[in-house]
Amino acid sequence: MASDDARARATVARAEELLSGLDALPDSAAAARARETVETLVGLYGEALDRVVTHTGGDEAVLRRLADDELVGHLLLVHDLHPDPPSVRARRALDAVAEHLGRHGVTVAAEELTDEAVRVRITGTARGCNAPPDPPERTVRDALAGAAPDLAHVEVETAPDPAPETLISVDSLFQRPAPTPAGQP
């Protein structure tokens, strides 16, 4: 992840935190005014972004670069200007998450994937010192919410962790060794 992407993510998180705190302000009139101001600015920036997309003249390469930029791609989503349908964005997000969690022994499989719904099955449990801090289900849900917030239905199933194979059975620990034939050490 580029440092610009990390900074953009931090800025988006801070903006969301500030917006969610507006309702808790003691002055409801000021909170309503602040919310209206933000909505007006977001609408204005959306119109400007729409013009940028229009000025690309349908150049798919330019639009692809804009969509692949994490921050700009997020803005295209917010303003319903992203060139990819929800299923394509969800597939990319799931592929990235599957690769990441796969390194930790967790399998992620899309059981159903349409432009309106996704059903994902997770098998395994991340283990070890380098295991991701978040549970796999949360990682999958966060990835889908970020890439395809317009999905109407997201279902994430977690399959029971298969029992690990036993290397030495408990019964074998209590068996007496076979007697050694006479004359052999």
Protein backbone atom coordinates (compact mmCIF):
# COMPACT_ATOMS: atom_id res chain seq x y z
CA MET A 1 0.00 0.00 0.00
CA ALA A 2 1.38 3.38 -0.96
CA SER A 3 1.78 5.99 1.74
CA ASP A 4 -0.69 8.18 -0.16
CA ASP A 5 -3.28 5.39 0.12
CA ALA A 6 -2.60 5.02 3.85
CA ARG A 7 -2.97 8.76 4.35
CA ALA A 8 -6.18 8.79 2.28
CA ARG A 9 -7.61 5.93 4.36
CA ALA A 10 -6.80 7.80 7.55
CA THR A 11 -8.45 10.94 6.21
CA VAL A 12 -11.58 9.03 5.15
CA ALA A 13 -11.77 7.39 8.59
CA ARG A 14 -11.38 10.77 10.30
CA ALA A 15 -14.11 12.32 8.10
CA GLU A 16 -16.47 9.43 8.92
CA GLU A 17 -15.70 9.82 12.62
CA LEU A 18 -16.43 13.56 12.49
CA LEU A 19 -19.67 13.03 10.56
CA SER A 20 -20.92 10.37 12.93
CA GLY A 21 -20.24 12.71 15.85
CA LEU A 22 -22.50 15.46 14.50
CA ASP A 23 -25.64 13.89 15.95
CA ALA A 24 -24.10 13.88 19.42
CA LEU A 25 -23.50 17.64 19.47
CA PRO A 26 -25.54 19.51 22.11
CA ASP A 27 -26.56 22.21 19.62
CA SER A 28 -28.85 20.39 17.19
CA ALA A 29 -29.25 23.44 14.97
CA ALA A 30 -25.48 23.74 14.53
CA ALA A 31 -25.26 19.99 13.90
CA ALA A 32 -27.96 20.20 11.22
CA ARG A 33 -26.20 23.16 9.61
CA ALA A 34 -22.87 21.32 9.62
CA ARG A 35 -24.49 18.23 8.08
CA GLU A 36 -26.17 20.32 5.37
CA THR A 37 -22.85 22.05 4.62
CA VAL A 38 -21.09 18.72 4.24
CA GLU A 39 -23.86 17.34 2.02
CA THR A 40 -23.70 20.44 -0.18
CA LEU A 41 -19.94 20.15 -0.54
CA VAL A 42 -20.15 16.42 -1.31
CA GLY A 43 -22.79 17.13 -3.96
CA LEU A 44 -20.63 19.89 -5.47
CA TYR A 45 -17.56 17.65 -5.60
CA GLY A 46 -19.68 14.89 -7.10
CA GLU A 47 -20.77 17.18 -9.91
CA ALA A 48 -17.15 18.17 -10.51
CA LEU A 49 -16.08 14.53 -10.59
CA ASP A 50 -18.89 13.76 -13.04
CA ARG A 51 -17.47 16.45 -15.31
CA VAL A 52 -13.98 14.94 -15.00
CA VAL A 53 -15.36 11.57 -16.05
CA THR A 54 -17.23 13.21 -18.94
CA HIS A 55 -14.02 14.96 -20.05
CA THR A 56 -12.29 11.58 -20.38
CA GLY A 57 -14.45 11.20 -23.48
CA GLY A 58 -15.08 7.55 -22.73
CA ASP A 59 -11.36 6.74 -22.74
CA GLU A 60 -11.47 3.42 -20.90
CA ALA A 61 -7.77 3.48 -20.05
CA VAL A 62 -8.08 6.83 -18.30
CA LEU A 63 -11.27 5.80 -16.54
CA ARG A 64 -9.58 2.52 -15.46
CA ARG A 65 -6.66 4.43 -13.94
CA LEU A 66 -9.08 6.69 -12.09
CA ALA A 67 -11.09 3.72 -10.83
CA ASP A 68 -7.96 1.82 -9.75
CA ASP A 69 -6.73 4.75 -7.66
CA GLU A 70 -7.99 3.87 -4.20
CA LEU A 71 -9.12 7.36 -3.22
CA VAL A 72 -10.56 8.37 -6.60
CA GLY A 73 -12.17 4.97 -7.01
CA HIS A 74 -13.91 5.45 -3.65
CA LEU A 75 -15.20 8.84 -4.79
CA LEU A 76 -16.45 7.32 -8.04
CA LEU A 77 -18.37 4.80 -5.93
CA VAL A 78 -19.86 7.48 -3.69
CA HIS A 79 -21.12 9.40 -6.71
CA ASP A 80 -22.28 6.35 -8.69
CA LEU A 81 -19.69 6.96 -11.40
CA HIS A 82 -17.56 3.81 -11.00
CA PRO A 83 -17.18 1.96 -14.31
CA ASP A 84 -17.33 -1.55 -12.78
CA PRO A 85 -20.53 -3.23 -11.61
CA PRO A 86 -20.75 -4.41 -7.97
CA SER A 87 -20.03 -8.05 -8.87
CA VAL A 88 -16.71 -7.15 -10.53
CA ARG A 89 -15.62 -4.96 -7.61
CA ALA A 90 -16.71 -7.63 -5.12
CA ARG A 91 -14.77 -10.32 -7.05
CA ARG A 92 -11.59 -8.21 -6.94
CA ALA A 93 -12.03 -7.58 -3.21
CA LEU A 94 -12.65 -11.27 -2.52
CA ASP A 95 -9.63 -12.31 -4.58
CA ALA A 96 -7.41 -9.93 -2.61
CA VAL A 97 -8.83 -11.07 0.73
CA ALA A 98 -8.55 -14.74 -0.26
CA GLU A 99 -4.89 -14.26 -1.13
CA HIS A 100 -4.21 -12.45 2.15
CA LEU A 101 -6.10 -14.91 4.37
CA GLY A 102 -4.86 -17.89 2.38
CA ARG A 103 -1.34 -17.13 3.62
CA HIS A 104 -2.72 -17.75 7.14
CA GLY A 105 -4.52 -21.02 6.39
CA VAL A 106 -7.98 -19.58 5.77
CA THR A 107 -9.92 -20.37 2.58
CA VAL A 108 -12.38 -17.82 1.18
CA ALA A 109 -14.78 -18.97 -1.55
CA ALA A 110 -17.59 -17.06 -3.26
CA GLU A 111 -20.60 -19.39 -3.33
CA GLU A 112 -22.80 -16.80 -5.06
CA LEU A 113 -21.81 -13.51 -6.68
CA THR A 114 -24.19 -11.22 -8.55
CA ASP A 115 -24.56 -7.45 -8.84
CA GLU A 116 -26.96 -7.54 -5.91
CA ALA A 117 -25.85 -10.34 -3.62
CA VAL A 118 -22.79 -12.21 -2.51
CA ARG A 119 -22.53 -15.34 -0.39
CA VAL A 120 -19.09 -16.25 0.89
CA ARG A 121 -17.89 -19.36 2.69
CA ILE A 122 -14.87 -19.18 4.99
CA THR A 123 -13.07 -22.31 6.06
CA GLY A 124 -10.24 -22.51 8.56
CA THR A 125 -8.93 -20.35 11.34
CA ALA A 126 -6.00 -18.00 11.14
CA ARG A 127 -3.32 -19.24 13.51
CA GLY A 128 0.19 -18.41 14.47
CA CYS A 129 2.17 -15.37 15.50
CA ASN A 130 1.50 -13.55 12.23
CA ALA A 131 -2.24 -14.22 12.15
CA PRO A 132 -4.29 -11.16 11.18
CA PRO A 133 -5.74 -9.33 14.19
CA ASP A 134 -9.29 -9.25 12.83
CA PRO A 135 -11.41 -12.38 12.47
CA PRO A 136 -11.62 -13.55 8.82
CA GLU A 137 -15.38 -12.87 8.66
CA ARG A 138 -14.85 -9.23 9.59
CA THR A 139 -12.00 -8.91 7.09
CA VAL A 140 -14.25 -10.24 4.31
CA ARG A 141 -17.18 -8.01 5.29
CA ASP A 142 -14.96 -4.91 5.48
CA ALA A 143 -13.43 -5.65 2.08
CA LEU A 144 -16.86 -6.08 0.48
CA ALA A 145 -18.24 -2.95 2.14
CA GLY A 146 -15.29 -0.93 0.86
CA ALA A 147 -15.34 -2.26 -2.70
CA ALA A 148 -19.06 -2.79 -3.29
CA PRO A 149 -21.17 -0.88 -0.76
CA ASP A 150 -24.06 -1.02 -3.21
CA LEU A 151 -24.54 -4.78 -2.78
CA ALA A 152 -28.02 -5.35 -1.39
CA HIS A 153 -27.20 -8.60 0.41
CA VAL A 154 -23.95 -9.92 1.86
CA GLU A 155 -23.83 -13.29 3.59
CA VAL A 156 -20.65 -14.69 5.09
CA GLU A 157 -20.70 -18.29 6.36
CA THR A 158 -17.96 -19.67 8.50
CA ALA A 159 -17.55 -23.42 8.15
CA PRO A 160 -16.45 -25.33 11.20
CA ASP A 161 -12.72 -25.68 11.45
CA PRO A 162 -11.83 -29.24 10.47
CA ALA A 163 -10.24 -31.18 13.30
CA PRO A 164 -6.48 -31.28 12.94
CA GLU A 165 -5.02 -34.62 11.97
CA THR A 166 -3.56 -36.50 14.89
CA LEU A 167 0.03 -37.48 14.33
CA ILE A 168 0.18 -39.98 17.20
CA SER A 169 -3.03 -41.50 18.42
CA VAL A 170 -3.70 -41.41 22.14
CA ASP A 171 -4.37 -45.19 22.10
CA SER A 172 -0.91 -45.89 20.72
CA LEU A 173 0.66 -44.17 23.75
CA PHE A 174 -0.82 -46.80 26.08
CA GLN A 175 0.13 -49.89 24.07
CA ARG A 176 3.04 -52.02 25.22
CA PRO A 177 5.80 -52.48 22.70
CA ALA A 178 5.83 -55.81 20.89
CA PRO A 179 8.20 -58.33 22.51
CA THR A 180 11.55 -58.60 20.85
CA PRO A 181 12.26 -62.08 19.43
CA ALA A 182 14.97 -63.99 21.27
CA GLY A 183 18.49 -63.31 20.08
CA GLN A 184 17.76 -59.83 18.75
CA PRO A 185 18.75 -56.66 20.54
